[in-house]
Amino acid sequence: MPYLLVIDSGNTTIKWGVHDGHGWYKQGRIAQTQRESLSAVWRLLPAPSSIVVSNVAGPSAESALRDVLSVWKIIPHWVTATPRQCGVVNQYMEPARLGCDRWAALIAAWNMKRQGCLVINVGTAMTVDVLSDHGEFYGGIILPGFASMKQSLTQQTALLTSAEGCFQAFPNTTHNAIHSGIIHALTGAIERMHALLLARLGHDRPLECVISGGGAALLRPHIKIPTIMIDYLVLEGLRVIAQETTPIASS
């Protein structure tokens, strides 16, 4: 049986999955700092017939992945954003400069929903990207994720510490004020982009939006618009991209 290996190499985490043409045979994740151990993990997998990779972690991560993947005599497909692919039209001024992970996530969301929505990824950075009812990617925003925002604040402010806090409507401790303020900043950005999308599309009802990433579970309870959480959204997009050239990725 032919297998597809897809890899989402992010800034802090590598997510991967093996698809057998009917469903996910296996999925996993590992920290970028532990990527050398992927050889032992992947050695136990069935040999893939094709490999598709999204890498936004830079040249060193790409080099390390190439070394690990060289055990299979397959040339991986390293995804880059294009002007049009899998039903999505890329309206970035320079389409190729859009992050390949954002591109894969947009493709996954469009192929799941086929309607206008926000595509939100909450990781080291948070991206909020906009899809139209016709699969056009209008653009999106990038801002620091929860941990990045907190680290920036505590490192640049002498009397603040990085101790854990919790969300309060009216925070009455410094730790909770930091935690709650960051939640408000991130969810406020999402809700503002949702309002802009509704105005652009002329809708009068909220649109269900797609959210993923390591920080999604933290934010989702505080977002005042409908959302669906997809843990391995980029992997789904890579599977759809692979489907253009090989039947292995059929669901």
Protein backbone atom coordinates (compact mmCIF):
# COMPACT_ATOMS: atom_id res chain seq x y z
CA MET A 1 0.00 0.00 0.00
CA PRO A 2 1.44 3.44 -0.92
CA TYR A 3 1.82 5.99 1.87
CA LEU A 4 2.15 9.78 1.94
CA LEU A 5 4.34 11.46 4.58
CA VAL A 6 3.53 15.12 5.26
CA ILE A 7 5.61 17.35 7.55
CA ASP A 8 4.80 20.73 9.10
CA SER A 9 8.07 22.17 10.38
CA GLY A 10 7.11 25.18 12.51
CA ASN A 11 9.15 27.56 14.62
CA THR A 12 8.94 25.47 17.78
CA THR A 13 7.31 22.17 16.79
CA ILE A 14 7.46 19.64 13.95
CA LYS A 15 4.14 17.95 13.23
CA TRP A 16 3.95 15.01 10.85
CA GLY A 17 1.48 12.50 9.55
CA VAL A 18 1.30 9.41 7.37
CA HIS A 19 -1.78 9.07 5.14
CA ASP A 20 -2.67 5.78 3.46
CA GLY A 21 -5.16 7.15 0.93
CA HIS A 22 -8.16 6.49 3.18
CA GLY A 23 -7.22 8.15 6.44
CA TRP A 24 -4.39 9.06 8.78
CA TYR A 25 -2.31 5.98 9.55
CA LYS A 26 -0.28 7.83 12.18
CA GLN A 27 0.37 11.40 13.33
CA GLY A 28 2.86 12.89 15.74
CA ARG A 29 4.72 15.96 16.91
CA ILE A 30 8.12 16.74 18.33
CA ALA A 31 9.94 19.88 19.46
CA GLN A 32 12.36 21.43 16.97
CA THR A 33 15.06 21.05 19.62
CA GLN A 34 14.56 17.27 19.51
CA ARG A 35 14.35 16.84 15.74
CA GLU A 36 17.43 14.59 15.66
CA SER A 37 15.29 11.87 17.27
CA LEU A 38 12.96 11.80 14.26
CA SER A 39 15.16 9.17 12.62
CA ALA A 40 14.29 6.64 15.31
CA VAL A 41 10.58 7.53 15.17
CA TRP A 42 10.25 7.47 11.39
CA ARG A 43 12.28 4.26 11.07
CA LEU A 44 9.23 2.45 12.47
CA LEU A 45 6.89 3.86 9.81
CA PRO A 46 5.99 2.18 6.53
CA ALA A 47 8.16 3.56 3.73
CA PRO A 48 6.37 6.48 2.05
CA SER A 49 5.90 6.72 -1.70
CA SER A 50 5.83 10.53 -1.55
CA ILE A 51 6.81 13.25 0.92
CA VAL A 52 5.46 16.81 1.17
CA VAL A 53 7.03 19.36 3.52
CA SER A 54 6.17 22.82 4.83
CA ASN A 55 9.13 24.43 6.61
CA VAL A 56 9.14 27.91 8.16
CA ALA A 57 11.87 27.17 10.71
CA GLY A 58 14.76 28.25 8.52
CA PRO A 59 17.71 26.66 6.69
CA SER A 60 19.06 24.66 9.64
CA ALA A 61 15.72 22.92 10.14
CA GLU A 62 15.49 22.21 6.41
CA SER A 63 19.00 20.76 6.37
CA ALA A 64 18.24 18.53 9.37
CA LEU A 65 15.03 17.29 7.77
CA ARG A 66 16.80 16.55 4.50
CA ASP A 67 19.32 14.43 6.39
CA VAL A 68 16.59 12.46 8.18
CA LEU A 69 14.53 12.01 5.01
CA SER A 70 17.51 10.83 2.96
CA VAL A 71 16.98 7.31 4.32
CA TRP A 72 14.20 7.06 1.72
CA LYS A 73 15.23 7.47 -1.91
CA ILE A 74 12.46 9.98 -2.54
CA ILE A 75 12.76 13.65 -3.49
CA PRO A 76 10.51 15.58 -1.07
CA HIS A 77 8.24 18.32 -2.37
CA TRP A 78 8.99 21.50 -0.41
CA VAL A 79 5.84 23.59 -0.54
CA THR A 80 5.88 27.26 -1.49
CA ALA A 81 2.88 29.51 -1.97
CA THR A 82 1.70 29.98 -5.55
CA PRO A 83 -0.76 32.39 -7.21
CA ARG A 84 -3.45 29.68 -7.34
CA GLN A 85 -3.69 26.13 -6.01
CA CYS A 86 -6.34 23.64 -4.89
CA GLY A 87 -9.15 26.15 -5.36
CA VAL A 88 -7.50 29.01 -3.44
CA VAL A 89 -6.50 32.26 -5.18
CA ASN A 90 -3.54 34.01 -3.54
CA GLN A 91 -3.97 37.80 -3.55
CA TYR A 92 -0.71 38.54 -1.72
CA MET A 93 1.19 41.27 -3.59
CA GLU A 94 4.06 38.79 -3.95
CA PRO A 95 2.35 35.37 -3.71
CA ALA A 96 5.55 33.38 -3.17
CA ARG A 97 6.36 35.42 -0.04
CA LEU A 98 3.33 34.08 1.83
CA GLY A 99 4.44 31.54 4.44
CA CYS A 100 4.05 27.98 3.19
CA ASP A 101 2.34 26.96 6.44
CA ARG A 102 -0.24 29.73 6.05
CA TRP A 103 -0.78 28.67 2.43
CA ALA A 104 -1.32 25.03 3.38
CA ALA A 105 -3.72 26.04 6.18
CA LEU A 106 -5.75 28.20 3.78
CA ILE A 107 -5.98 25.32 1.32
CA ALA A 108 -7.11 22.95 4.08
CA ALA A 109 -9.75 25.37 5.36
CA TRP A 110 -11.13 26.06 1.88
CA ASN A 111 -11.36 22.38 1.03
CA MET A 112 -13.18 21.73 4.33
CA LYS A 113 -15.63 24.64 4.30
CA ARG A 114 -15.97 26.07 0.76
CA GLN A 115 -17.13 29.41 2.18
CA GLY A 116 -15.71 32.61 3.57
CA CYS A 117 -13.97 32.30 6.91
CA LEU A 118 -11.00 33.28 9.01
CA VAL A 119 -8.11 30.83 9.20
CA ILE A 120 -6.42 31.32 12.56
CA ASN A 121 -3.17 29.73 13.70
CA VAL A 122 -2.03 30.36 17.26
CA GLY A 123 1.60 29.46 17.80
CA THR A 124 4.81 31.41 18.41
CA ALA A 125 3.07 34.00 16.27
CA MET A 126 -0.66 34.26 15.64
CA THR A 127 -1.87 34.60 12.07
CA VAL A 128 -5.43 35.52 11.12
CA ASP A 129 -6.00 35.00 7.40
CA VAL A 130 -9.10 35.83 5.39
CA LEU A 131 -10.84 33.64 2.79
CA SER A 132 -13.73 34.85 0.64
CA ASP A 133 -16.80 32.87 -0.37
CA HIS A 134 -15.02 32.09 -3.65
CA GLY A 135 -11.72 30.86 -2.22
CA GLU A 136 -9.85 34.15 -2.57
CA PHE A 137 -7.20 34.80 0.06
CA TYR A 138 -7.61 38.53 0.69
CA GLY A 139 -4.72 38.84 3.14
CA GLY A 140 -4.21 38.56 6.86
CA ILE A 141 -2.44 39.77 9.98
CA ILE A 142 0.50 38.50 12.02
CA LEU A 143 1.06 39.31 15.67
CA PRO A 144 2.95 37.73 18.57
CA GLY A 145 1.37 34.62 20.07
CA PHE A 146 0.54 34.29 23.76
CA ALA A 147 3.99 33.20 24.96
CA SER A 148 5.82 35.67 22.70
CA MET A 149 3.68 38.57 23.88
CA LYS A 150 4.12 37.62 27.52
CA GLN A 151 7.88 37.17 27.15
CA SER A 152 8.25 40.55 25.46
CA LEU A 153 6.27 42.29 28.20
CA THR A 154 8.03 40.68 31.16
CA GLN A 155 11.53 41.02 29.70
CA GLN A 156 11.15 44.72 28.95
CA THR A 157 9.37 45.72 32.16
CA ALA A 158 11.49 45.57 35.30
CA LEU A 159 8.79 44.92 37.91
CA LEU A 160 6.80 42.30 35.99
CA THR A 161 7.49 38.57 36.24
CA SER A 162 6.59 35.62 34.04
CA ALA A 163 4.60 33.81 36.75
CA GLU A 164 1.44 32.04 35.58
CA GLY A 165 -1.87 33.87 35.72
CA CYS A 166 -5.45 33.13 34.77
CA PHE A 167 -8.21 34.96 32.96
CA GLN A 168 -10.41 37.36 34.91
CA ALA A 169 -12.94 39.83 33.58
CA PHE A 170 -11.54 42.38 36.03
CA PRO A 171 -8.08 41.13 37.04
CA ASN A 172 -7.05 41.91 40.60
CA THR A 173 -3.47 40.58 40.52
CA THR A 174 -0.60 41.55 38.24
CA HIS A 175 -0.18 38.00 36.94
CA ASN A 176 -3.85 37.75 36.04
CA ALA A 177 -3.77 41.24 34.51
CA ILE A 178 -0.99 40.17 32.13
CA HIS A 179 -2.70 36.89 31.25
CA SER A 180 -6.10 38.52 30.72
CA GLY A 181 -4.67 41.44 28.77
CA ILE A 182 -2.97 39.14 26.29
CA ILE A 183 -6.16 37.09 25.88
CA HIS A 184 -8.09 40.30 25.18
CA ALA A 185 -5.47 41.48 22.67
CA LEU A 186 -5.44 38.23 20.70
CA THR A 187 -9.17 37.55 20.73
CA GLY A 188 -9.89 41.20 20.00
CA ALA A 189 -7.74 41.00 16.87
CA ILE A 190 -9.63 37.89 15.75
CA GLU A 191 -13.04 39.42 16.37
CA ARG A 192 -12.08 42.65 14.60
CA MET A 193 -10.90 40.71 11.55
CA HIS A 194 -14.17 38.77 11.61
CA ALA A 195 -16.13 42.04 11.59
CA LEU A 196 -14.06 43.30 8.65
CA LEU A 197 -14.68 40.04 6.78
CA LEU A 198 -18.44 40.22 7.32
CA ALA A 199 -18.45 43.80 6.03
CA ARG A 200 -16.37 42.85 2.98
CA LEU A 201 -18.60 39.89 2.08
CA GLY A 202 -21.88 41.58 2.99
CA HIS A 203 -22.92 38.87 5.44
CA ASP A 204 -25.16 39.66 8.40
CA ARG A 205 -24.56 36.40 10.28
CA PRO A 206 -21.32 35.21 11.90
CA LEU A 207 -19.14 32.85 9.89
CA GLU A 208 -17.68 29.74 11.49
CA CYS A 209 -13.91 30.17 11.49
CA VAL A 210 -11.10 27.62 11.62
CA ILE A 211 -8.54 27.77 14.44
CA SER A 212 -5.46 25.63 15.00
CA GLY A 213 -2.06 25.68 16.66
CA GLY A 214 -0.64 25.05 20.10
CA GLY A 215 -2.36 28.09 21.64
CA ALA A 216 -5.78 27.50 20.09
CA ALA A 217 -7.27 25.73 23.12
CA LEU A 218 -6.26 28.63 25.38
CA LEU A 219 -7.94 31.27 23.22
CA ARG A 220 -10.98 29.46 21.90
CA PRO A 221 -13.20 29.71 25.03
CA HIS A 222 -12.82 33.50 24.92
CA ILE A 223 -13.57 34.06 21.21
CA LYS A 224 -17.08 35.45 20.65
CA ILE A 225 -17.53 34.07 17.14
CA PRO A 226 -18.20 30.47 16.00
CA THR A 227 -15.01 28.43 15.60
CA ILE A 228 -14.00 24.89 14.76
CA MET A 229 -10.64 23.65 16.05
CA ILE A 230 -8.52 21.49 13.73
CA ASP A 231 -5.32 20.35 15.42
CA TYR A 232 -3.36 19.28 12.33
CA LEU A 233 -4.67 21.87 9.87
CA VAL A 234 -1.40 22.37 7.97
CA LEU A 235 -1.02 18.60 7.53
CA GLU A 236 -4.51 18.49 6.01
CA GLY A 237 -3.49 21.22 3.60
CA LEU A 238 -0.31 19.38 2.64
CA ARG A 239 -2.39 16.27 1.98
CA VAL A 240 -4.67 18.25 -0.34
CA ILE A 241 -1.64 19.74 -2.13
CA ALA A 242 -0.21 16.25 -2.60
CA GLN A 243 -3.53 15.13 -4.06
CA GLU A 244 -2.91 17.32 -7.12
CA THR A 245 -0.05 15.10 -8.23
CA THR A 246 -0.65 11.71 -6.63
CA PRO A 247 -3.80 9.68 -5.83
CA ILE A 248 -2.35 8.55 -2.49
CA ALA A 249 -3.79 11.59 -0.71
CA SER A 250 -7.43 10.85 -1.56
CA SER A 251 -9.57 10.85 1.58
